[in-house]
Amino acid sequence: MSNIIVLDYGSSNLRSVAKALETVADGKHNVAISNQPETILSADKVIFPGQGAIGQCMTHLKEQALDEVIRECILNKPFLG
């Protein structure tokens, strides 16, 4: 069973995204929300939910040191963002 992480960067309606993924995954994937770099990097797939205020979003990502984590994920695993 693969692990899908919804990236928690302090914005967006993450619970709704996770619930939608759980519905379509039909028990075949573990879906979780996380802002922990080690959890994100160890996931099989990463979802970076959209948000209209990209400036604020980037500030949150940099404050949590998640911008580099995202780059690493984009290079090494299926990534939807």
N, C-alpha and C. Protein backbone atom coordinates (compact mmCIF):
# COMPACT_ATOMS: atom_id res chain seq x y z
N MET A 1 0.86 -1.17 0.00
CA MET A 1 0.00 0.00 0.00
C MET A 1 0.90 1.24 0.00
N SER A 2 0.66 2.16 -0.91
CA SER A 2 1.49 3.35 -0.98
C SER A 2 0.99 4.43 -0.03
N ASN A 3 1.90 5.33 0.32
CA ASN A 3 1.58 6.45 1.20
C ASN A 3 1.51 7.73 0.38
N ILE A 4 0.40 8.44 0.51
CA ILE A 4 0.21 9.72 -0.15
C ILE A 4 0.15 10.79 0.93
N ILE A 5 1.00 11.80 0.79
CA ILE A 5 1.01 12.90 1.75
C ILE A 5 0.45 14.15 1.10
N VAL A 6 -0.48 14.80 1.81
CA VAL A 6 -0.97 16.12 1.44
C VAL A 6 -0.12 17.11 2.22
N LEU A 7 0.58 17.96 1.50
CA LEU A 7 1.53 18.89 2.12
C LEU A 7 0.78 19.98 2.91
N ASP A 8 1.08 20.08 4.18
CA ASP A 8 0.48 21.08 5.05
C ASP A 8 1.42 22.26 5.17
N TYR A 9 1.08 23.36 4.52
CA TYR A 9 1.92 24.56 4.57
C TYR A 9 1.20 25.72 5.24
N GLY A 10 0.13 25.42 5.96
CA GLY A 10 -0.56 26.44 6.74
C GLY A 10 -1.66 27.18 6.00
N SER A 11 -2.01 26.75 4.81
CA SER A 11 -3.09 27.37 4.04
C SER A 11 -3.86 26.27 3.33
N SER A 12 -4.96 26.63 2.72
CA SER A 12 -5.76 25.72 1.91
C SER A 12 -6.64 24.84 2.80
N ASN A 13 -7.61 24.19 2.19
CA ASN A 13 -8.52 23.32 2.92
C ASN A 13 -8.01 21.88 2.80
N LEU A 14 -7.01 21.57 3.59
CA LEU A 14 -6.31 20.30 3.47
C LEU A 14 -7.18 19.10 3.81
N ARG A 15 -8.05 19.24 4.77
CA ARG A 15 -8.89 18.11 5.16
C ARG A 15 -9.81 17.69 4.01
N SER A 16 -10.35 18.66 3.30
CA SER A 16 -11.19 18.34 2.15
C SER A 16 -10.40 17.62 1.06
N VAL A 17 -9.18 18.05 0.83
CA VAL A 17 -8.33 17.40 -0.16
C VAL A 17 -8.06 15.95 0.27
N ALA A 18 -7.70 15.77 1.53
CA ALA A 18 -7.41 14.42 2.03
C ALA A 18 -8.64 13.52 1.95
N LYS A 19 -9.81 14.03 2.32
CA LYS A 19 -11.03 13.23 2.25
C LYS A 19 -11.36 12.83 0.82
N ALA A 20 -11.17 13.74 -0.12
CA ALA A 20 -11.41 13.42 -1.53
C ALA A 20 -10.45 12.32 -2.00
N LEU A 21 -9.20 12.43 -1.61
CA LEU A 21 -8.22 11.39 -1.97
C LEU A 21 -8.56 10.05 -1.35
N GLU A 22 -8.98 10.06 -0.10
CA GLU A 22 -9.37 8.81 0.56
C GLU A 22 -10.54 8.16 -0.18
N THR A 23 -11.46 8.97 -0.65
CA THR A 23 -12.62 8.44 -1.37
C THR A 23 -12.19 7.76 -2.66
N VAL A 24 -11.36 8.42 -3.46
CA VAL A 24 -10.95 7.83 -4.74
C VAL A 24 -9.91 6.73 -4.55
N ALA A 25 -9.16 6.76 -3.45
CA ALA A 25 -8.16 5.72 -3.19
C ALA A 25 -8.82 4.39 -2.84
N ASP A 26 -10.04 4.46 -2.32
CA ASP A 26 -10.83 3.25 -2.03
C ASP A 26 -10.06 2.23 -1.18
N GLY A 27 -9.34 2.72 -0.18
CA GLY A 27 -8.61 1.84 0.72
C GLY A 27 -7.31 1.27 0.18
N LYS A 28 -6.91 1.67 -1.01
CA LYS A 28 -5.70 1.13 -1.62
C LYS A 28 -4.45 1.95 -1.33
N HIS A 29 -4.63 3.13 -0.71
CA HIS A 29 -3.51 4.01 -0.37
C HIS A 29 -3.75 4.62 1.00
N ASN A 30 -2.69 4.84 1.73
CA ASN A 30 -2.78 5.59 2.99
C ASN A 30 -2.65 7.06 2.65
N VAL A 31 -3.57 7.87 3.13
CA VAL A 31 -3.55 9.31 2.89
C VAL A 31 -3.36 10.02 4.22
N ALA A 32 -2.40 10.94 4.27
CA ALA A 32 -2.15 11.69 5.50
C ALA A 32 -1.80 13.13 5.14
N ILE A 33 -1.93 14.01 6.11
CA ILE A 33 -1.55 15.42 5.98
C ILE A 33 -0.32 15.63 6.85
N SER A 34 0.70 16.30 6.31
CA SER A 34 1.91 16.50 7.11
C SER A 34 2.69 17.73 6.68
N ASN A 35 3.40 18.31 7.65
CA ASN A 35 4.37 19.36 7.37
C ASN A 35 5.76 18.94 7.86
N GLN A 36 5.93 17.66 8.14
CA GLN A 36 7.20 17.14 8.63
C GLN A 36 8.06 16.68 7.45
N PRO A 37 9.22 17.33 7.24
CA PRO A 37 10.06 17.00 6.09
C PRO A 37 10.33 15.50 5.93
N GLU A 38 10.65 14.80 7.02
CA GLU A 38 10.99 13.38 6.91
C GLU A 38 9.78 12.56 6.45
N THR A 39 8.59 12.93 6.90
CA THR A 39 7.37 12.23 6.47
C THR A 39 7.08 12.50 5.00
N ILE A 40 7.23 13.74 4.60
CA ILE A 40 6.97 14.12 3.21
C ILE A 40 7.97 13.41 2.28
N LEU A 41 9.23 13.45 2.64
CA LEU A 41 10.26 12.83 1.80
C LEU A 41 10.14 11.31 1.73
N SER A 42 9.57 10.70 2.76
CA SER A 42 9.43 9.24 2.75
C SER A 42 8.14 8.77 2.06
N ALA A 43 7.26 9.70 1.70
CA ALA A 43 6.01 9.34 1.04
C ALA A 43 6.27 8.83 -0.37
N ASP A 44 5.34 8.01 -0.85
CA ASP A 44 5.43 7.53 -2.23
C ASP A 44 4.96 8.59 -3.22
N LYS A 45 3.96 9.37 -2.80
CA LYS A 45 3.39 10.41 -3.65
C LYS A 45 3.08 11.62 -2.78
N VAL A 46 3.19 12.82 -3.37
CA VAL A 46 2.96 14.05 -2.62
C VAL A 46 1.96 14.93 -3.37
N ILE A 47 1.01 15.47 -2.63
CA ILE A 47 0.04 16.41 -3.17
C ILE A 47 0.30 17.77 -2.53
N PHE A 48 0.46 18.78 -3.37
CA PHE A 48 0.64 20.15 -2.92
C PHE A 48 -0.61 20.92 -3.36
N PRO A 49 -1.62 21.05 -2.46
CA PRO A 49 -2.89 21.66 -2.84
C PRO A 49 -2.73 23.13 -3.22
N GLY A 50 -3.50 23.52 -4.22
CA GLY A 50 -3.44 24.90 -4.70
C GLY A 50 -4.04 25.88 -3.72
N GLN A 51 -3.68 27.14 -3.97
CA GLN A 51 -4.14 28.21 -3.10
C GLN A 51 -3.97 29.50 -3.88
N GLY A 52 -4.93 30.38 -3.81
CA GLY A 52 -4.91 31.60 -4.61
C GLY A 52 -3.85 32.61 -4.25
N ALA A 53 -3.42 32.67 -3.01
CA ALA A 53 -2.47 33.70 -2.57
C ALA A 53 -1.05 33.11 -2.56
N ILE A 54 -0.43 33.02 -3.74
CA ILE A 54 0.85 32.34 -3.85
C ILE A 54 1.96 33.04 -3.06
N GLY A 55 1.92 34.35 -2.95
CA GLY A 55 2.94 35.07 -2.18
C GLY A 55 2.94 34.63 -0.72
N GLN A 56 1.77 34.61 -0.12
CA GLN A 56 1.63 34.18 1.27
C GLN A 56 1.99 32.70 1.39
N CYS A 57 1.59 31.93 0.41
CA CYS A 57 1.90 30.50 0.41
C CYS A 57 3.41 30.28 0.42
N MET A 58 4.15 30.98 -0.43
CA MET A 58 5.60 30.83 -0.49
C MET A 58 6.26 31.26 0.82
N THR A 59 5.72 32.30 1.43
CA THR A 59 6.25 32.74 2.73
C THR A 59 6.11 31.63 3.76
N HIS A 60 4.93 31.00 3.81
CA HIS A 60 4.70 29.89 4.75
C HIS A 60 5.66 28.73 4.46
N LEU A 61 5.82 28.40 3.19
CA LEU A 61 6.71 27.29 2.82
C LEU A 61 8.14 27.56 3.27
N LYS A 62 8.63 28.76 3.02
CA LYS A 62 10.00 29.10 3.40
C LYS A 62 10.17 29.15 4.92
N GLU A 63 9.17 29.67 5.63
CA GLU A 63 9.25 29.72 7.10
C GLU A 63 9.35 28.33 7.71
N GLN A 64 8.72 27.34 7.07
CA GLN A 64 8.73 25.97 7.58
C GLN A 64 9.83 25.13 6.92
N ALA A 65 10.66 25.77 6.11
CA ALA A 65 11.74 25.08 5.38
C ALA A 65 11.20 23.96 4.49
N LEU A 66 10.01 24.16 3.95
CA LEU A 66 9.40 23.15 3.10
C LEU A 66 9.67 23.39 1.61
N ASP A 67 10.20 24.55 1.26
CA ASP A 67 10.46 24.83 -0.15
C ASP A 67 11.50 23.85 -0.73
N GLU A 68 12.54 23.55 0.03
CA GLU A 68 13.54 22.59 -0.43
C GLU A 68 13.00 21.16 -0.43
N VAL A 69 12.14 20.85 0.53
CA VAL A 69 11.51 19.53 0.58
C VAL A 69 10.68 19.32 -0.68
N ILE A 70 9.94 20.34 -1.09
CA ILE A 70 9.13 20.24 -2.30
C ILE A 70 10.01 20.01 -3.52
N ARG A 71 11.10 20.75 -3.63
CA ARG A 71 12.01 20.56 -4.77
C ARG A 71 12.52 19.12 -4.82
N GLU A 72 12.88 18.59 -3.68
CA GLU A 72 13.37 17.20 -3.61
C GLU A 72 12.30 16.22 -4.07
N CYS A 73 11.07 16.44 -3.63
CA CYS A 73 9.96 15.56 -4.03
C CYS A 73 9.70 15.64 -5.53
N ILE A 74 9.70 16.83 -6.08
CA ILE A 74 9.44 17.01 -7.51
C ILE A 74 10.46 16.23 -8.34
N LEU A 75 11.68 16.20 -7.88
CA LEU A 75 12.74 15.51 -8.62
C LEU A 75 12.69 13.99 -8.48
N ASN A 76 12.07 13.48 -7.42
CA ASN A 76 12.23 12.06 -7.10
C ASN A 76 10.98 11.22 -6.97
N LYS A 77 9.79 11.80 -7.09
CA LYS A 77 8.58 10.99 -6.90
C LYS A 77 7.40 11.63 -7.61
N PRO A 78 6.32 10.87 -7.80
CA PRO A 78 5.11 11.47 -8.37
C PRO A 78 4.67 12.63 -7.48
N PHE A 79 4.42 13.77 -8.10
CA PHE A 79 4.10 14.98 -7.37
C PHE A 79 2.98 15.72 -8.10
N LEU A 80 1.92 16.05 -7.38
CA LEU A 80 0.82 16.83 -7.94
C LEU A 80 0.76 18.14 -7.20
N GLY A 81 0.87 19.23 -7.91
CA GLY A 81 0.83 20.53 -7.25
C GLY A 81 0.32 21.61 -8.15
